[in-house]
N, C-alpha and C. Protein backbone atom coordinates (compact mmCIF):
# COMPACT_ATOMS: atom_id res chain seq x y z
N UNK A 1 3.54 2.19 -3.70
CA UNK A 1 3.11 2.89 -4.89
C UNK A 1 1.82 3.65 -4.56
N UNK A 2 2.00 4.77 -3.96
CA UNK A 2 0.86 5.58 -3.58
C UNK A 2 0.13 6.09 -4.81
N UNK A 3 -1.17 6.15 -4.71
CA UNK A 3 -1.96 6.72 -5.79
C UNK A 3 -2.21 5.78 -6.96
N UNK A 4 -1.95 4.49 -6.78
CA UNK A 4 -2.12 3.58 -7.92
C UNK A 4 -3.59 3.42 -8.29
N UNK A 5 -4.49 3.53 -7.32
CA UNK A 5 -5.91 3.39 -7.64
C UNK A 5 -6.40 4.48 -8.60
N UNK A 6 -5.82 5.67 -8.48
CA UNK A 6 -6.24 6.77 -9.35
C UNK A 6 -5.82 6.54 -10.80
N UNK A 7 -4.72 5.83 -11.00
CA UNK A 7 -4.22 5.62 -12.36
C UNK A 7 -4.57 4.24 -12.92
N UNK A 8 -4.96 3.31 -12.06
CA UNK A 8 -5.22 1.94 -12.52
C UNK A 8 -6.60 1.77 -13.13
N UNK A 9 -7.60 2.30 -12.49
CA UNK A 9 -8.97 2.00 -12.91
C UNK A 9 -9.45 2.97 -13.96
N UNK A 10 -10.08 2.42 -14.97
CA UNK A 10 -10.65 3.19 -16.07
C UNK A 10 -12.06 3.63 -15.66
N UNK A 11 -12.19 4.89 -15.34
CA UNK A 11 -13.48 5.42 -14.87
C UNK A 11 -14.56 5.35 -15.95
N UNK A 12 -14.14 5.25 -17.20
CA UNK A 12 -15.10 5.18 -18.30
C UNK A 12 -15.70 3.80 -18.49
N UNK A 13 -15.22 2.82 -17.74
CA UNK A 13 -15.73 1.45 -17.85
C UNK A 13 -16.26 1.02 -16.49
N UNK A 14 -17.48 0.52 -16.49
CA UNK A 14 -18.09 0.05 -15.25
C UNK A 14 -18.75 -1.30 -15.51
N UNK A 15 -19.22 -1.97 -14.47
CA UNK A 15 -19.88 -3.26 -14.68
C UNK A 15 -21.06 -3.19 -15.65
N UNK A 16 -21.72 -2.06 -15.72
CA UNK A 16 -22.87 -1.93 -16.63
C UNK A 16 -22.45 -1.94 -18.10
N UNK A 17 -21.17 -1.73 -18.38
CA UNK A 17 -20.68 -1.76 -19.76
C UNK A 17 -20.51 -3.18 -20.29
N UNK A 18 -20.66 -4.17 -19.44
CA UNK A 18 -20.50 -5.57 -19.85
C UNK A 18 -21.86 -6.20 -20.05
N UNK A 19 -21.95 -7.08 -21.03
CA UNK A 19 -23.22 -7.73 -21.35
C UNK A 19 -23.75 -8.52 -20.16
N UNK A 20 -22.87 -9.14 -19.42
CA UNK A 20 -23.28 -9.93 -18.25
C UNK A 20 -23.26 -9.10 -16.98
N UNK A 21 -23.10 -7.81 -17.11
CA UNK A 21 -23.09 -6.93 -15.95
C UNK A 21 -21.90 -7.17 -15.05
N UNK A 22 -22.17 -7.24 -13.76
CA UNK A 22 -21.10 -7.36 -12.76
C UNK A 22 -20.26 -8.62 -12.94
N UNK A 23 -20.89 -9.74 -13.31
CA UNK A 23 -20.13 -10.99 -13.50
C UNK A 23 -19.12 -10.85 -14.63
N UNK A 24 -19.51 -10.25 -15.73
CA UNK A 24 -18.59 -10.04 -16.85
C UNK A 24 -17.47 -9.09 -16.47
N UNK A 25 -17.80 -8.08 -15.70
CA UNK A 25 -16.80 -7.12 -15.25
C UNK A 25 -15.79 -7.81 -14.33
N UNK A 26 -16.29 -8.59 -13.37
CA UNK A 26 -15.39 -9.31 -12.45
C UNK A 26 -14.52 -10.30 -13.22
N UNK A 27 -15.09 -10.92 -14.26
CA UNK A 27 -14.31 -11.83 -15.09
C UNK A 27 -13.19 -11.10 -15.81
N UNK A 28 -13.47 -9.89 -16.28
CA UNK A 28 -12.44 -9.09 -16.96
C UNK A 28 -11.35 -8.68 -15.97
N UNK A 29 -11.74 -8.31 -14.75
CA UNK A 29 -10.76 -7.96 -13.72
C UNK A 29 -9.88 -9.17 -13.42
N UNK A 30 -10.51 -10.35 -13.30
CA UNK A 30 -9.76 -11.57 -13.02
C UNK A 30 -8.78 -11.88 -14.15
N UNK A 31 -9.20 -11.72 -15.40
CA UNK A 31 -8.31 -11.98 -16.54
C UNK A 31 -7.13 -11.01 -16.55
N UNK A 32 -7.39 -9.74 -16.25
CA UNK A 32 -6.29 -8.78 -16.18
C UNK A 32 -5.35 -9.11 -15.02
N UNK A 33 -5.92 -9.57 -13.92
CA UNK A 33 -5.12 -9.99 -12.78
C UNK A 33 -4.20 -11.14 -13.17
N UNK A 34 -4.75 -12.14 -13.85
CA UNK A 34 -3.95 -13.29 -14.30
C UNK A 34 -2.82 -12.84 -15.21
N UNK A 35 -3.13 -11.91 -16.11
CA UNK A 35 -2.11 -11.40 -17.03
C UNK A 35 -1.00 -10.68 -16.26
N UNK A 36 -1.37 -9.87 -15.28
CA UNK A 36 -0.37 -9.15 -14.49
C UNK A 36 0.52 -10.10 -13.70
N UNK A 37 -0.08 -11.14 -13.12
CA UNK A 37 0.71 -12.13 -12.37
C UNK A 37 1.67 -12.85 -13.32
N UNK A 38 1.20 -13.21 -14.51
CA UNK A 38 2.06 -13.87 -15.50
C UNK A 38 3.21 -12.96 -15.92
N UNK A 39 2.93 -11.68 -16.14
CA UNK A 39 3.98 -10.74 -16.54
C UNK A 39 5.00 -10.53 -15.42
N UNK A 40 4.54 -10.49 -14.17
CA UNK A 40 5.47 -10.36 -13.04
C UNK A 40 6.36 -11.60 -12.96
N UNK A 41 5.77 -12.76 -13.22
CA UNK A 41 6.56 -14.00 -13.22
C UNK A 41 7.59 -13.99 -14.35
N UNK A 42 7.22 -13.47 -15.50
CA UNK A 42 8.16 -13.40 -16.62
C UNK A 42 9.31 -12.43 -16.32
N UNK A 43 9.01 -11.32 -15.67
CA UNK A 43 10.08 -10.39 -15.28
C UNK A 43 11.04 -11.09 -14.32
N UNK A 44 10.49 -11.86 -13.38
CA UNK A 44 11.35 -12.60 -12.45
C UNK A 44 12.20 -13.62 -13.19
N UNK A 45 11.65 -14.27 -14.19
CA UNK A 45 12.42 -15.24 -14.98
C UNK A 45 13.54 -14.55 -15.75
N UNK A 46 13.23 -13.40 -16.36
CA UNK A 46 14.27 -12.65 -17.08
C UNK A 46 15.36 -12.19 -16.11
N UNK A 47 14.95 -11.79 -14.94
CA UNK A 47 15.90 -11.36 -13.91
C UNK A 47 16.83 -12.51 -13.53
N UNK A 48 16.27 -13.70 -13.35
CA UNK A 48 17.09 -14.87 -13.03
C UNK A 48 18.04 -15.20 -14.16
N UNK A 49 17.57 -15.11 -15.40
CA UNK A 49 18.45 -15.37 -16.55
C UNK A 49 19.58 -14.34 -16.61
N UNK A 50 19.26 -13.10 -16.34
CA UNK A 50 20.28 -12.04 -16.34
C UNK A 50 21.32 -12.30 -15.26
N UNK A 51 20.86 -12.67 -14.07
CA UNK A 51 21.79 -13.00 -12.99
C UNK A 51 22.68 -14.19 -13.37
N UNK A 52 22.07 -15.20 -13.97
CA UNK A 52 22.84 -16.37 -14.39
C UNK A 52 23.90 -15.99 -15.42
N UNK A 53 23.52 -15.15 -16.38
CA UNK A 53 24.47 -14.71 -17.41
C UNK A 53 25.65 -13.99 -16.79
N UNK A 54 25.38 -12.98 -15.96
CA UNK A 54 26.47 -12.19 -15.38
C UNK A 54 27.30 -13.00 -14.39
N UNK A 55 26.66 -13.88 -13.64
CA UNK A 55 27.41 -14.72 -12.72
C UNK A 55 28.34 -15.67 -13.49
N UNK A 56 27.84 -16.24 -14.58
CA UNK A 56 28.67 -17.11 -15.42
C UNK A 56 29.81 -16.32 -16.05
N UNK A 57 29.51 -15.13 -16.56
CA UNK A 57 30.54 -14.29 -17.18
C UNK A 57 31.64 -13.96 -16.17
N UNK A 58 31.26 -13.54 -14.99
CA UNK A 58 32.26 -13.16 -13.99
C UNK A 58 33.04 -14.36 -13.47
N UNK A 59 32.38 -15.48 -13.33
CA UNK A 59 33.08 -16.70 -12.93
C UNK A 59 34.09 -17.10 -14.00
N UNK A 60 33.70 -16.98 -15.26
CA UNK A 60 34.62 -17.30 -16.36
C UNK A 60 35.82 -16.34 -16.37
N UNK A 61 35.57 -15.06 -16.10
CA UNK A 61 36.66 -14.08 -16.05
C UNK A 61 37.64 -14.45 -14.94
N UNK A 62 37.12 -14.74 -13.77
CA UNK A 62 37.99 -15.09 -12.64
C UNK A 62 38.77 -16.37 -12.94
N UNK A 63 38.10 -17.37 -13.50
CA UNK A 63 38.78 -18.63 -13.84
C UNK A 63 39.84 -18.41 -14.91
N UNK A 64 39.54 -17.59 -15.90
CA UNK A 64 40.50 -17.29 -16.97
C UNK A 64 41.72 -16.57 -16.41
N UNK A 65 41.48 -15.57 -15.57
CA UNK A 65 42.60 -14.84 -14.97
C UNK A 65 43.46 -15.77 -14.12
N UNK A 66 42.83 -16.67 -13.40
CA UNK A 66 43.59 -17.62 -12.57
C UNK A 66 44.40 -18.58 -13.44
N UNK A 67 43.86 -18.95 -14.59
CA UNK A 67 44.56 -19.88 -15.48
C UNK A 67 45.69 -19.19 -16.25
N UNK A 68 45.45 -17.95 -16.68
CA UNK A 68 46.44 -17.22 -17.48
C UNK A 68 47.60 -16.74 -16.61
N UNK A 69 47.30 -16.34 -15.39
CA UNK A 69 48.33 -15.82 -14.48
C UNK A 69 48.41 -16.70 -13.23
N UNK A 70 48.85 -17.96 -13.39
CA UNK A 70 48.82 -18.87 -12.25
C UNK A 70 49.89 -18.59 -11.20
N UNK A 71 50.96 -17.97 -11.60
CA UNK A 71 52.09 -17.79 -10.68
C UNK A 71 52.07 -16.45 -9.99
N UNK A 72 53.20 -15.85 -9.99
CA UNK A 72 53.41 -14.56 -9.34
C UNK A 72 52.57 -13.49 -10.01
N UNK A 73 51.78 -12.81 -9.21
CA UNK A 73 50.88 -11.77 -9.73
C UNK A 73 51.64 -10.50 -10.06
N UNK A 74 52.75 -10.27 -9.44
CA UNK A 74 53.46 -9.00 -9.57
C UNK A 74 54.39 -8.92 -10.77
N UNK A 75 54.23 -9.80 -11.73
CA UNK A 75 55.02 -9.67 -12.95
C UNK A 75 54.67 -8.34 -13.61
N UNK A 76 55.67 -7.67 -14.21
CA UNK A 76 55.38 -6.35 -14.79
C UNK A 76 54.38 -6.44 -15.94
N UNK A 77 53.36 -5.62 -15.84
CA UNK A 77 52.35 -5.51 -16.89
C UNK A 77 52.08 -4.03 -17.08
N UNK A 78 51.84 -3.62 -18.31
CA UNK A 78 51.55 -2.19 -18.52
C UNK A 78 50.32 -1.76 -17.70
N UNK A 79 50.47 -0.67 -16.98
CA UNK A 79 49.39 -0.18 -16.12
C UNK A 79 48.14 0.11 -16.94
N UNK A 80 48.30 0.67 -18.13
CA UNK A 80 47.12 1.01 -18.94
C UNK A 80 46.34 -0.24 -19.33
N UNK A 81 47.01 -1.36 -19.52
CA UNK A 81 46.32 -2.61 -19.85
C UNK A 81 45.50 -3.08 -18.65
N UNK A 82 46.12 -3.05 -17.48
CA UNK A 82 45.45 -3.48 -16.26
C UNK A 82 44.26 -2.57 -15.96
N UNK A 83 44.47 -1.25 -16.06
CA UNK A 83 43.38 -0.31 -15.78
C UNK A 83 42.27 -0.39 -16.81
N UNK A 84 42.61 -0.63 -18.06
CA UNK A 84 41.58 -0.80 -19.10
C UNK A 84 40.72 -2.03 -18.81
N UNK A 85 41.39 -3.12 -18.45
CA UNK A 85 40.65 -4.33 -18.09
C UNK A 85 39.76 -4.10 -16.88
N UNK A 86 40.30 -3.39 -15.90
CA UNK A 86 39.52 -3.09 -14.70
C UNK A 86 38.30 -2.25 -15.05
N UNK A 87 38.48 -1.26 -15.90
CA UNK A 87 37.36 -0.40 -16.31
C UNK A 87 36.26 -1.22 -16.99
N UNK A 88 36.65 -2.13 -17.86
CA UNK A 88 35.67 -2.98 -18.54
C UNK A 88 34.93 -3.85 -17.53
N UNK A 89 35.66 -4.47 -16.63
CA UNK A 89 35.03 -5.35 -15.63
C UNK A 89 34.12 -4.58 -14.68
N UNK A 90 34.56 -3.40 -14.24
CA UNK A 90 33.72 -2.60 -13.35
C UNK A 90 32.48 -2.09 -14.07
N UNK A 91 32.62 -1.77 -15.35
CA UNK A 91 31.46 -1.32 -16.13
C UNK A 91 30.42 -2.42 -16.23
N UNK A 92 30.86 -3.63 -16.52
CA UNK A 92 29.87 -4.71 -16.63
C UNK A 92 29.27 -5.04 -15.26
N UNK A 93 30.02 -4.88 -14.16
CA UNK A 93 29.44 -5.05 -12.83
C UNK A 93 28.39 -3.97 -12.55
N UNK A 94 28.68 -2.75 -12.98
CA UNK A 94 27.72 -1.66 -12.81
C UNK A 94 26.46 -1.91 -13.64
N UNK A 95 26.64 -2.35 -14.87
CA UNK A 95 25.48 -2.67 -15.72
C UNK A 95 24.64 -3.77 -15.07
N UNK A 96 25.30 -4.78 -14.54
CA UNK A 96 24.60 -5.86 -13.86
C UNK A 96 23.79 -5.32 -12.69
N UNK A 97 24.41 -4.48 -11.86
CA UNK A 97 23.72 -3.91 -10.70
C UNK A 97 22.53 -3.05 -11.12
N UNK A 98 22.72 -2.23 -12.15
CA UNK A 98 21.63 -1.36 -12.64
C UNK A 98 20.48 -2.20 -13.19
N UNK A 99 20.81 -3.26 -13.91
CA UNK A 99 19.75 -4.12 -14.45
C UNK A 99 18.96 -4.78 -13.32
N UNK A 100 19.64 -5.24 -12.28
CA UNK A 100 18.95 -5.86 -11.15
C UNK A 100 18.05 -4.84 -10.44
N UNK A 101 18.54 -3.64 -10.32
CA UNK A 101 17.75 -2.57 -9.70
C UNK A 101 16.51 -2.27 -10.54
N UNK A 102 16.70 -2.24 -11.85
CA UNK A 102 15.59 -1.98 -12.76
C UNK A 102 14.53 -3.08 -12.67
N UNK A 103 14.97 -4.34 -12.69
CA UNK A 103 14.03 -5.45 -12.55
C UNK A 103 13.30 -5.39 -11.21
N UNK A 104 14.01 -5.05 -10.15
CA UNK A 104 13.40 -4.94 -8.83
C UNK A 104 12.32 -3.85 -8.83
N UNK A 105 12.62 -2.70 -9.43
CA UNK A 105 11.64 -1.61 -9.48
C UNK A 105 10.44 -2.00 -10.35
N UNK A 106 10.71 -2.65 -11.48
CA UNK A 106 9.63 -3.07 -12.37
C UNK A 106 8.70 -4.05 -11.67
N UNK A 107 9.27 -5.02 -10.97
CA UNK A 107 8.42 -5.97 -10.27
C UNK A 107 7.68 -5.33 -9.10
N UNK A 108 8.30 -4.36 -8.43
CA UNK A 108 7.60 -3.66 -7.35
C UNK A 108 6.35 -2.98 -7.89
N UNK A 109 6.47 -2.35 -9.06
CA UNK A 109 5.31 -1.71 -9.67
C UNK A 109 4.26 -2.74 -10.07
N UNK A 110 4.71 -3.86 -10.63
CA UNK A 110 3.78 -4.90 -11.05
C UNK A 110 3.02 -5.46 -9.84
N UNK A 111 3.73 -5.68 -8.73
CA UNK A 111 3.05 -6.21 -7.55
C UNK A 111 2.14 -5.17 -6.90
N UNK A 112 2.43 -3.90 -7.07
CA UNK A 112 1.51 -2.86 -6.59
C UNK A 112 0.21 -2.92 -7.39
N UNK A 113 0.32 -3.11 -8.70
CA UNK A 113 -0.88 -3.24 -9.55
C UNK A 113 -1.64 -4.51 -9.18
N UNK A 114 -0.92 -5.60 -8.97
CA UNK A 114 -1.56 -6.86 -8.58
C UNK A 114 -2.32 -6.68 -7.27
N UNK A 115 -1.71 -5.98 -6.31
CA UNK A 115 -2.39 -5.71 -5.05
C UNK A 115 -3.65 -4.88 -5.23
N UNK A 116 -3.59 -3.89 -6.12
CA UNK A 116 -4.77 -3.06 -6.38
C UNK A 116 -5.87 -3.88 -7.06
N UNK A 117 -5.48 -4.76 -7.97
CA UNK A 117 -6.48 -5.63 -8.62
C UNK A 117 -7.09 -6.59 -7.60
N UNK A 118 -6.29 -7.06 -6.65
CA UNK A 118 -6.81 -7.99 -5.63
C UNK A 118 -7.90 -7.35 -4.77
N UNK A 119 -7.88 -6.05 -4.65
CA UNK A 119 -8.93 -5.38 -3.86
C UNK A 119 -10.30 -5.52 -4.51
N UNK A 120 -10.32 -5.89 -5.80
CA UNK A 120 -11.59 -6.12 -6.50
C UNK A 120 -11.90 -7.62 -6.62
N UNK A 121 -11.06 -8.44 -6.01
CA UNK A 121 -11.26 -9.89 -6.05
C UNK A 121 -11.55 -10.41 -4.65
N UNK A 122 -12.02 -11.64 -4.52
CA UNK A 122 -12.40 -12.16 -3.20
C UNK A 122 -11.24 -12.33 -2.21
N UNK A 123 -10.01 -12.54 -2.69
CA UNK A 123 -8.90 -12.81 -1.78
C UNK A 123 -7.68 -11.95 -2.13
N UNK A 124 -6.91 -11.63 -1.11
CA UNK A 124 -5.64 -10.91 -1.29
C UNK A 124 -4.49 -11.93 -1.27
N UNK A 125 -4.44 -12.77 -2.28
CA UNK A 125 -3.49 -13.89 -2.28
C UNK A 125 -2.04 -13.45 -2.17
N UNK A 126 -1.62 -12.49 -2.98
CA UNK A 126 -0.23 -12.05 -2.97
C UNK A 126 0.00 -10.88 -2.02
N UNK A 127 -0.75 -9.82 -2.22
CA UNK A 127 -0.45 -8.56 -1.53
C UNK A 127 -0.51 -8.68 -0.01
N UNK A 128 -1.53 -9.30 0.51
CA UNK A 128 -1.64 -9.44 1.96
C UNK A 128 -1.37 -10.86 2.41
N UNK A 129 -1.84 -11.84 1.64
CA UNK A 129 -1.71 -13.24 2.03
C UNK A 129 -0.27 -13.72 2.06
N UNK A 130 0.30 -13.94 0.88
CA UNK A 130 1.66 -14.50 0.81
C UNK A 130 2.70 -13.55 1.39
N UNK A 131 2.65 -12.30 0.97
CA UNK A 131 3.64 -11.33 1.43
C UNK A 131 3.52 -11.10 2.93
N UNK A 132 2.30 -11.09 3.44
CA UNK A 132 2.09 -10.96 4.88
C UNK A 132 2.60 -12.17 5.65
N UNK A 133 2.37 -13.36 5.10
CA UNK A 133 2.85 -14.59 5.74
C UNK A 133 4.37 -14.62 5.81
N UNK A 134 5.01 -13.95 4.87
CA UNK A 134 6.48 -13.89 4.84
C UNK A 134 7.02 -12.73 5.68
N UNK A 135 6.13 -12.01 6.34
CA UNK A 135 6.57 -10.89 7.16
C UNK A 135 7.03 -9.70 6.34
N UNK A 136 6.59 -9.65 5.08
CA UNK A 136 6.93 -8.57 4.15
C UNK A 136 8.44 -8.38 4.00
N UNK A 137 9.20 -9.45 4.24
CA UNK A 137 10.65 -9.39 4.06
C UNK A 137 11.38 -8.63 5.14
N UNK A 138 10.71 -8.31 6.24
CA UNK A 138 11.35 -7.52 7.30
C UNK A 138 12.15 -8.36 8.29
N UNK A 139 11.77 -9.62 8.43
CA UNK A 139 12.44 -10.51 9.40
C UNK A 139 13.22 -11.56 8.63
N UNK A 140 14.55 -11.50 8.70
CA UNK A 140 15.39 -12.40 7.92
C UNK A 140 15.23 -13.86 8.33
N UNK A 141 14.70 -14.12 9.52
CA UNK A 141 14.49 -15.51 9.94
C UNK A 141 13.28 -16.13 9.24
N UNK A 142 12.35 -15.29 8.81
CA UNK A 142 11.16 -15.79 8.11
C UNK A 142 11.37 -15.84 6.61
N UNK A 143 12.01 -14.79 6.08
CA UNK A 143 12.19 -14.72 4.63
C UNK A 143 13.21 -13.64 4.30
N UNK A 144 14.18 -14.00 3.49
CA UNK A 144 15.16 -13.04 3.00
C UNK A 144 14.89 -12.84 1.51
N UNK A 145 14.41 -11.66 1.12
CA UNK A 145 14.16 -11.42 -0.30
C UNK A 145 15.44 -11.57 -1.12
N UNK A 146 15.33 -12.20 -2.26
CA UNK A 146 16.47 -12.43 -3.13
C UNK A 146 17.14 -11.11 -3.51
N UNK A 147 16.38 -10.04 -3.58
CA UNK A 147 16.95 -8.76 -3.98
C UNK A 147 18.05 -8.30 -3.02
N UNK A 148 17.95 -8.68 -1.75
CA UNK A 148 18.99 -8.30 -0.80
C UNK A 148 20.30 -8.99 -1.13
N UNK A 149 20.22 -10.26 -1.46
CA UNK A 149 21.43 -11.01 -1.78
C UNK A 149 21.99 -10.61 -3.14
N UNK A 150 21.12 -10.50 -4.14
CA UNK A 150 21.60 -10.26 -5.50
C UNK A 150 22.20 -8.88 -5.70
N UNK A 151 21.85 -7.91 -4.88
CA UNK A 151 22.44 -6.58 -5.04
C UNK A 151 23.90 -6.55 -4.59
N UNK A 152 24.30 -7.51 -3.76
CA UNK A 152 25.68 -7.54 -3.26
C UNK A 152 26.63 -8.29 -4.18
N UNK A 153 26.11 -9.15 -5.03
CA UNK A 153 27.00 -9.98 -5.86
C UNK A 153 27.81 -9.13 -6.85
N UNK A 154 27.20 -8.21 -7.62
CA UNK A 154 28.03 -7.38 -8.51
C UNK A 154 29.04 -6.54 -7.74
N UNK A 155 28.64 -6.04 -6.58
CA UNK A 155 29.55 -5.25 -5.74
C UNK A 155 30.72 -6.10 -5.26
N UNK A 156 30.44 -7.34 -4.91
CA UNK A 156 31.50 -8.24 -4.45
C UNK A 156 32.51 -8.51 -5.57
N UNK A 157 32.00 -8.81 -6.77
CA UNK A 157 32.91 -9.02 -7.90
C UNK A 157 33.70 -7.74 -8.20
N UNK A 158 33.04 -6.60 -8.21
CA UNK A 158 33.72 -5.33 -8.47
C UNK A 158 34.83 -5.07 -7.47
N UNK A 159 34.55 -5.32 -6.19
CA UNK A 159 35.56 -5.14 -5.15
C UNK A 159 36.73 -6.09 -5.36
N UNK A 160 36.43 -7.33 -5.71
CA UNK A 160 37.50 -8.30 -5.97
C UNK A 160 38.36 -7.87 -7.16
N UNK A 161 37.72 -7.32 -8.19
CA UNK A 161 38.48 -6.86 -9.35
C UNK A 161 39.40 -5.69 -8.98
N UNK A 162 38.90 -4.77 -8.18
CA UNK A 162 39.73 -3.63 -7.75
C UNK A 162 40.90 -4.13 -6.91
N UNK A 163 40.65 -5.04 -6.00
CA UNK A 163 41.73 -5.57 -5.16
C UNK A 163 42.75 -6.33 -6.01
N UNK A 164 42.28 -7.09 -6.98
CA UNK A 164 43.20 -7.79 -7.88
C UNK A 164 44.03 -6.84 -8.70
N UNK A 165 43.41 -5.78 -9.17
CA UNK A 165 44.13 -4.76 -9.94
C UNK A 165 45.20 -4.09 -9.08
N UNK A 166 44.84 -3.77 -7.86
CA UNK A 166 45.81 -3.15 -6.95
C UNK A 166 46.98 -4.10 -6.67
N UNK A 167 46.68 -5.38 -6.55
CA UNK A 167 47.75 -6.36 -6.31
C UNK A 167 48.71 -6.43 -7.49
N UNK A 168 48.18 -6.25 -8.69
CA UNK A 168 49.02 -6.32 -9.90
C UNK A 168 49.81 -5.03 -10.08
N UNK A 169 49.17 -3.89 -9.86
CA UNK A 169 49.79 -2.59 -10.15
C UNK A 169 50.76 -2.17 -9.06
N UNK A 170 50.41 -2.38 -7.82
CA UNK A 170 51.26 -1.90 -6.71
C UNK A 170 52.40 -2.83 -6.39
């Protein structure tokens, strides 16, 4: 997030604007930092809940299809019914993927702000410390970011739905 320092800091507010001077200013920066970390954590929690919802929904769809059509898949079914079902399932997979992408982008922005706030604090706990210790997600032997795995799950379900539809229609 290039240029975040230009948009993050309020040039109209300085340590001299606080009754306690620099200590009050640093306290305010620390409180904003805590708030940003809490909000990033909440976005991650919402993201996990969203993943759980869609994973449960898709698992239920697959289980229902397996229960309703336990035998021969090639029994005649109207093509428009199969294609309509496929369209609905692919749409919800797309929505799932877009939501995960949105959460990933939102958290990336939040962590950029957290990193900028850390430059005004004594330690770079997240931006350089933790993320650096994890190799910034570049080495899969040290750390595999969840975003890499979660972006493939909707695609996997979508591919399975297309293959299942082809098995029924063809």
